[in-house]
């Protein structure tokens, strides 16, 4: 049997509700998928092409996340949130940034604010045509510039089999496919007057998601404003990111306030602080270095 069957089934179950589709994708019986998700059996019989073998079930101690970050407008510090969020999560689990804000110039030269924040040089793709190309920027932190010709759903499905956290950085307005791909949505706002209407347009896309309102401003806004925006986007959680003059962009050190606020945001996303024993991701051929 494949050693990663249990992990693959559990990851797919967070994205698919149809157990038969998961079973077909893994080439096993539906009963095997049910037993893995139930976690009540020590072992289960796996049937594959007329053969039977024993599957030892293992419990995972973390929940995989696909996080879409959308903004109410540009220039409010959304990229700094994406970069610092990804960097901090990657200290615990392998993390991929899918950059829908990246620019493809002639000869597929990739320019991105994310690369700037991480102090990475712009680069030219190795292929002569736009294909999904993932680069490891630092340990456990991967980056992929997104081209409009890519199929985001397919990319996310494949990445979910190999990585524990996927963060999609979106432009304004956020593409619907990016919203649908997520199990967690961060909506970043600076509380401008025009932003209330813009955020309301997200209502139908956030209805069945774990949605968190992220406010970026020099001071905490009134509770009534926060409550109204949370209602508009179906957000049950709120995290404030204080604009701090000591933060000049890039990766924040632990001495900078934004670092602690990102830690709190991660706690909101996962329901608890990340820490303890680091998990190893299932890095596959898509993410292998050439």
Protein backbone atom coordinates (compact mmCIF):
# COMPACT_ATOMS: atom_id res chain seq x y z
CA UNK A 1 0.00 0.00 0.00
CA UNK A 2 1.02 3.61 -0.37
CA UNK A 3 2.21 5.03 2.94
CA UNK A 4 0.48 8.36 2.30
CA UNK A 5 -3.00 6.92 1.69
CA UNK A 6 -4.37 8.00 5.07
CA UNK A 7 -3.01 11.53 4.75
CA UNK A 8 -4.25 11.84 1.16
CA UNK A 9 -7.79 10.73 2.07
CA UNK A 10 -7.98 13.13 5.01
CA UNK A 11 -6.71 16.04 2.93
CA UNK A 12 -9.16 15.34 0.11
CA UNK A 13 -12.03 15.02 2.60
CA UNK A 14 -11.48 18.62 3.66
CA UNK A 15 -12.15 19.67 0.07
CA UNK A 16 -14.62 17.05 -1.22
CA UNK A 17 -17.87 15.96 0.41
CA UNK A 18 -18.35 13.07 -2.03
CA UNK A 19 -16.67 10.01 -0.51
CA UNK A 20 -17.08 8.03 -3.72
CA UNK A 21 -15.00 10.61 -5.62
CA UNK A 22 -12.29 10.36 -2.97
CA UNK A 23 -12.36 6.55 -3.17
CA UNK A 24 -12.08 6.63 -6.98
CA UNK A 25 -9.19 9.09 -6.85
CA UNK A 26 -7.32 6.88 -4.36
CA UNK A 27 -8.32 3.65 -6.13
CA UNK A 28 -9.86 2.11 -3.02
CA UNK A 29 -13.32 1.06 -1.86
CA UNK A 30 -15.65 3.65 -0.28
CA UNK A 31 -15.63 1.59 2.93
CA UNK A 32 -11.89 2.19 3.27
CA UNK A 33 -12.40 5.96 2.98
CA UNK A 34 -15.18 5.83 5.58
CA UNK A 35 -13.04 3.86 8.03
CA UNK A 36 -10.11 6.25 7.66
CA UNK A 37 -12.28 9.30 8.27
CA UNK A 38 -14.06 7.65 11.20
CA UNK A 39 -10.71 6.91 12.86
CA UNK A 40 -12.36 4.19 14.92
CA UNK A 41 -10.59 1.19 13.44
CA UNK A 42 -7.03 0.11 14.07
CA UNK A 43 -6.86 -1.43 10.63
CA UNK A 44 -9.03 -1.75 7.54
CA UNK A 45 -9.01 -4.00 4.51
CA UNK A 46 -7.95 -2.24 1.33
CA UNK A 47 -9.17 -3.63 -1.98
CA UNK A 48 -7.28 -2.58 -5.07
CA UNK A 49 -7.63 -4.27 -8.43
CA UNK A 50 -8.59 -7.61 -6.91
CA UNK A 51 -5.93 -7.50 -4.19
CA UNK A 52 -6.39 -7.08 -0.46
CA UNK A 53 -3.95 -5.66 2.04
CA UNK A 54 -3.99 -4.25 5.54
CA UNK A 55 -4.10 -0.50 6.05
CA UNK A 56 -2.80 0.80 9.37
CA UNK A 57 -4.74 3.93 10.26
CA UNK A 58 -2.90 6.93 11.65
CA UNK A 59 -4.39 10.11 13.10
CA UNK A 60 -3.11 13.51 11.97
CA UNK A 61 -2.54 16.14 14.65
CA UNK A 62 -3.18 19.18 12.47
CA UNK A 63 -5.78 20.43 10.00
CA UNK A 64 -4.72 21.39 6.53
CA UNK A 65 -5.63 24.89 5.42
CA UNK A 66 -6.25 26.60 2.09
CA UNK A 67 -6.37 30.31 2.92
CA UNK A 68 -7.52 32.91 0.40
CA UNK A 69 -6.54 36.47 1.27
CA UNK A 70 -8.67 39.16 -0.39
CA UNK A 71 -8.56 42.93 -0.03
CA UNK A 72 -11.17 45.66 -0.16
CA UNK A 73 -8.73 47.78 -2.19
CA UNK A 74 -5.02 48.02 -2.97
CA UNK A 75 -2.37 49.68 -0.84
CA UNK A 76 -3.70 48.70 2.60
CA UNK A 77 -0.91 46.33 3.62
CA UNK A 78 -2.42 43.07 2.39
CA UNK A 79 0.86 41.80 0.88
CA UNK A 80 2.70 42.26 4.18
CA UNK A 81 0.01 40.16 5.88
CA UNK A 82 0.35 37.41 3.25
CA UNK A 83 4.14 37.30 3.51
CA UNK A 84 4.33 37.33 7.30
CA UNK A 85 1.46 34.87 7.63
CA UNK A 86 3.13 32.44 5.22
CA UNK A 87 6.53 32.81 6.86
CA UNK A 88 5.22 32.15 10.35
CA UNK A 89 3.08 29.17 9.29
CA UNK A 90 6.06 27.71 7.37
CA UNK A 91 7.96 27.53 10.66
CA UNK A 92 5.60 24.67 11.54
CA UNK A 93 4.30 23.13 8.28
CA UNK A 94 5.29 23.29 4.58
CA UNK A 95 3.52 26.30 3.06
CA UNK A 96 2.84 27.45 -0.50
CA UNK A 97 2.03 31.00 -1.63
CA UNK A 98 -0.01 31.09 -4.84
CA UNK A 99 0.48 34.64 -6.08
CA UNK A 100 -2.42 35.82 -8.23
CA UNK A 101 -1.01 39.36 -8.07
CA UNK A 102 2.21 38.40 -9.86
CA UNK A 103 3.02 40.11 -13.18
CA UNK A 104 4.27 38.21 -16.21
CA UNK A 105 6.40 40.44 -18.46
CA UNK A 106 8.11 39.59 -21.76
CA UNK A 107 9.92 36.23 -21.81
CA UNK A 108 7.81 35.33 -18.76
CA UNK A 109 9.81 37.50 -16.39
CA UNK A 110 7.95 37.35 -13.06
CA UNK A 111 7.67 40.49 -10.93
CA UNK A 112 5.82 40.44 -7.63
CA UNK A 113 5.38 42.46 -4.43
CA UNK A 114 5.59 39.15 -2.55
CA UNK A 115 9.09 38.57 -3.91
CA UNK A 116 10.04 42.14 -2.97
CA UNK A 117 8.83 41.67 0.60
CA UNK A 118 10.79 38.43 0.91
CA UNK A 119 13.88 40.13 -0.60
CA UNK A 120 13.79 37.69 -3.52
CA UNK A 121 14.91 38.77 -7.00
CA UNK A 122 12.40 38.72 -9.89
CA UNK A 123 13.10 35.77 -12.13
CA UNK A 124 12.43 34.30 -15.56
CA UNK A 125 10.49 31.06 -15.80
CA UNK A 126 12.47 28.07 -16.99
CA UNK A 127 9.83 27.06 -19.53
CA UNK A 128 9.06 28.91 -22.76
CA UNK A 129 5.36 29.03 -21.90
CA UNK A 130 3.44 29.73 -18.68
CA UNK A 131 3.21 26.51 -16.66
CA UNK A 132 2.82 26.11 -12.90
CA UNK A 133 6.33 26.44 -11.53
CA UNK A 134 7.00 26.22 -7.81
CA UNK A 135 10.15 27.55 -6.15
CA UNK A 136 11.37 26.99 -2.63
CA UNK A 137 12.19 30.46 -1.30
CA UNK A 138 13.33 29.26 2.09
CA UNK A 139 12.92 26.15 4.21
CA UNK A 140 9.29 24.98 4.07
CA UNK A 141 8.17 28.11 2.17
CA UNK A 142 7.25 27.68 -1.49
CA UNK A 143 6.10 30.21 -4.08
CA UNK A 144 4.19 29.96 -7.36
CA UNK A 145 3.30 32.95 -9.58
CA UNK A 146 -0.17 32.46 -11.02
CA UNK A 147 -0.97 33.02 -14.69
CA UNK A 148 -4.53 33.61 -15.91
CA UNK A 149 -4.28 30.53 -18.15
CA UNK A 150 -3.75 28.20 -15.16
CA UNK A 151 -6.52 26.09 -13.65
CA UNK A 152 -6.47 27.12 -9.98
CA UNK A 153 -8.70 24.27 -8.85
CA UNK A 154 -6.37 21.64 -10.32
CA UNK A 155 -3.31 23.33 -8.85
CA UNK A 156 -4.87 23.50 -5.38
CA UNK A 157 -6.00 19.87 -5.55
CA UNK A 158 -2.49 18.70 -6.40
CA UNK A 159 -0.85 20.98 -3.86
CA UNK A 160 -3.19 19.71 -1.12
CA UNK A 161 -1.69 16.25 -1.55
CA UNK A 162 1.79 17.57 -0.80
CA UNK A 163 1.57 20.63 1.43
CA UNK A 164 -0.13 21.46 4.70
CA UNK A 165 -0.86 25.17 4.14
CA UNK A 166 -1.71 26.98 0.89
CA UNK A 167 -2.13 30.75 0.87
CA UNK A 168 -3.69 32.40 -2.19
CA UNK A 169 -2.89 36.11 -2.54
CA UNK A 170 -5.60 37.72 -4.67
CA UNK A 171 -5.97 41.13 -6.37
CA UNK A 172 -9.08 43.29 -6.03
CA UNK A 173 -11.69 42.11 -6.81
CA UNK A 174 -10.86 38.58 -5.67
CA UNK A 175 -11.49 35.95 -8.38
CA UNK A 176 -14.42 33.70 -7.51
CA UNK A 177 -12.32 30.58 -8.16
CA UNK A 178 -9.91 31.63 -5.42
CA UNK A 179 -12.77 32.13 -2.96
CA UNK A 180 -14.27 28.74 -3.81
CA UNK A 181 -10.92 26.97 -3.42
CA UNK A 182 -10.46 28.09 0.20
CA UNK A 183 -11.66 26.63 3.46
CA UNK A 184 -10.58 29.85 5.22
CA UNK A 185 -11.00 33.38 3.85
CA UNK A 186 -9.24 36.45 5.21
CA UNK A 187 -10.88 39.73 4.21
CA UNK A 188 -8.48 42.64 4.73
CA UNK A 189 -9.87 46.16 5.09
CA UNK A 190 -8.70 49.60 6.22
CA UNK A 191 -12.29 50.70 7.05
CA UNK A 192 -12.54 53.28 4.24
CA UNK A 193 -16.04 54.51 3.40
CA UNK A 194 -16.00 52.92 -0.06
CA UNK A 195 -14.90 49.58 1.35
CA UNK A 196 -18.18 48.72 3.08
CA UNK A 197 -20.01 48.39 -0.25
CA UNK A 198 -17.13 46.46 -1.82
CA UNK A 199 -17.02 43.99 1.03
CA UNK A 200 -20.76 43.44 0.84
CA UNK A 201 -20.25 42.07 -2.67
CA UNK A 202 -18.36 39.14 -1.11
CA UNK A 203 -21.37 38.03 0.91
CA UNK A 204 -22.44 35.17 -1.36
CA UNK A 205 -18.86 33.85 -1.60
CA UNK A 206 -18.19 33.73 2.15
CA UNK A 207 -21.50 32.25 3.29
CA UNK A 208 -20.18 28.74 3.94
CA UNK A 209 -16.54 29.51 4.70
CA UNK A 210 -14.53 30.13 7.84
CA UNK A 211 -14.24 33.88 7.25
CA UNK A 212 -12.10 36.26 9.30
CA UNK A 213 -12.25 40.04 9.03
CA UNK A 214 -8.76 41.56 9.28
CA UNK A 215 -8.66 45.28 10.02
CA UNK A 216 -5.57 47.35 9.23
CA UNK A 217 -5.55 50.85 10.71
CA UNK A 218 -3.71 53.17 13.09
CA UNK A 219 -6.31 52.62 15.81
CA UNK A 220 -9.14 50.29 16.64
CA UNK A 221 -12.40 51.34 14.94
CA UNK A 222 -15.71 51.48 16.77
CA UNK A 223 -17.28 48.15 17.63
CA UNK A 224 -20.37 49.03 15.58
CA UNK A 225 -18.27 49.39 12.41
CA UNK A 226 -16.57 46.05 13.00
CA UNK A 227 -19.89 44.31 13.68
CA UNK A 228 -21.43 45.73 10.50
CA UNK A 229 -18.54 44.58 8.32
CA UNK A 230 -18.49 41.15 9.92
CA UNK A 231 -22.19 40.77 9.21
CA UNK A 232 -21.70 41.88 5.60
CA UNK A 233 -19.13 39.15 4.90
CA UNK A 234 -20.42 36.40 7.25
CA UNK A 235 -17.30 36.68 9.42
CA UNK A 236 -17.48 35.26 12.92
CA UNK A 237 -13.93 36.31 13.82
CA UNK A 238 -11.97 39.55 13.80
CA UNK A 239 -8.27 40.38 14.08
CA UNK A 240 -6.82 43.89 14.15
CA UNK A 241 -3.41 44.67 12.62
CA UNK A 242 -2.15 47.97 13.96
CA UNK A 243 -0.28 50.24 11.56
CA UNK A 244 3.11 50.61 13.23
CA UNK A 245 5.70 53.18 12.16
CA UNK A 246 8.48 50.84 13.28
CA UNK A 247 7.47 48.30 10.63
CA UNK A 248 8.98 49.19 7.26
CA UNK A 249 7.76 46.16 5.30
CA UNK A 250 9.23 42.73 4.64
CA UNK A 251 9.46 39.98 7.23
CA UNK A 252 8.75 41.34 10.69
CA UNK A 253 11.06 40.40 13.54
CA UNK A 254 9.63 39.17 16.84
CA UNK A 255 10.28 42.63 18.29
CA UNK A 256 7.84 44.25 15.86
CA UNK A 257 4.20 44.40 16.93
CA UNK A 258 2.87 42.97 13.68
CA UNK A 259 4.66 39.69 14.40
CA UNK A 260 2.58 39.12 17.53
CA UNK A 261 -0.59 40.18 15.72
CA UNK A 262 0.06 37.69 12.93
CA UNK A 263 0.55 35.02 15.60
CA UNK A 264 -2.90 35.89 16.96
CA UNK A 265 -4.33 35.71 13.44
CA UNK A 266 -2.84 32.23 13.02
CA UNK A 267 -4.52 31.25 16.26
CA UNK A 268 -7.84 32.47 14.80
CA UNK A 269 -7.27 30.44 11.62
CA UNK A 270 -6.32 27.16 13.28
CA UNK A 271 -8.29 27.56 16.48
CA UNK A 272 -5.07 27.30 18.50
CA UNK A 273 -1.47 28.56 18.30
CA UNK A 274 0.80 26.53 16.04
CA UNK A 275 3.70 24.93 17.81
CA UNK A 276 5.07 21.72 19.20
CA UNK A 277 6.48 19.05 16.93
CA UNK A 278 6.85 20.17 13.35
CA UNK A 279 4.97 18.23 10.71
CA UNK A 280 6.71 17.02 7.58
CA UNK A 281 4.83 17.64 4.35
CA UNK A 282 4.37 15.16 1.55
CA UNK A 283 6.44 16.95 -1.05
CA UNK A 284 5.96 15.40 -4.47
CA UNK A 285 7.39 15.75 -7.94
CA UNK A 286 5.69 19.10 -8.60
CA UNK A 287 7.72 20.61 -5.79
CA UNK A 288 11.02 18.80 -6.41
CA UNK A 289 14.05 20.88 -7.28
CA UNK A 290 15.50 20.49 -10.74
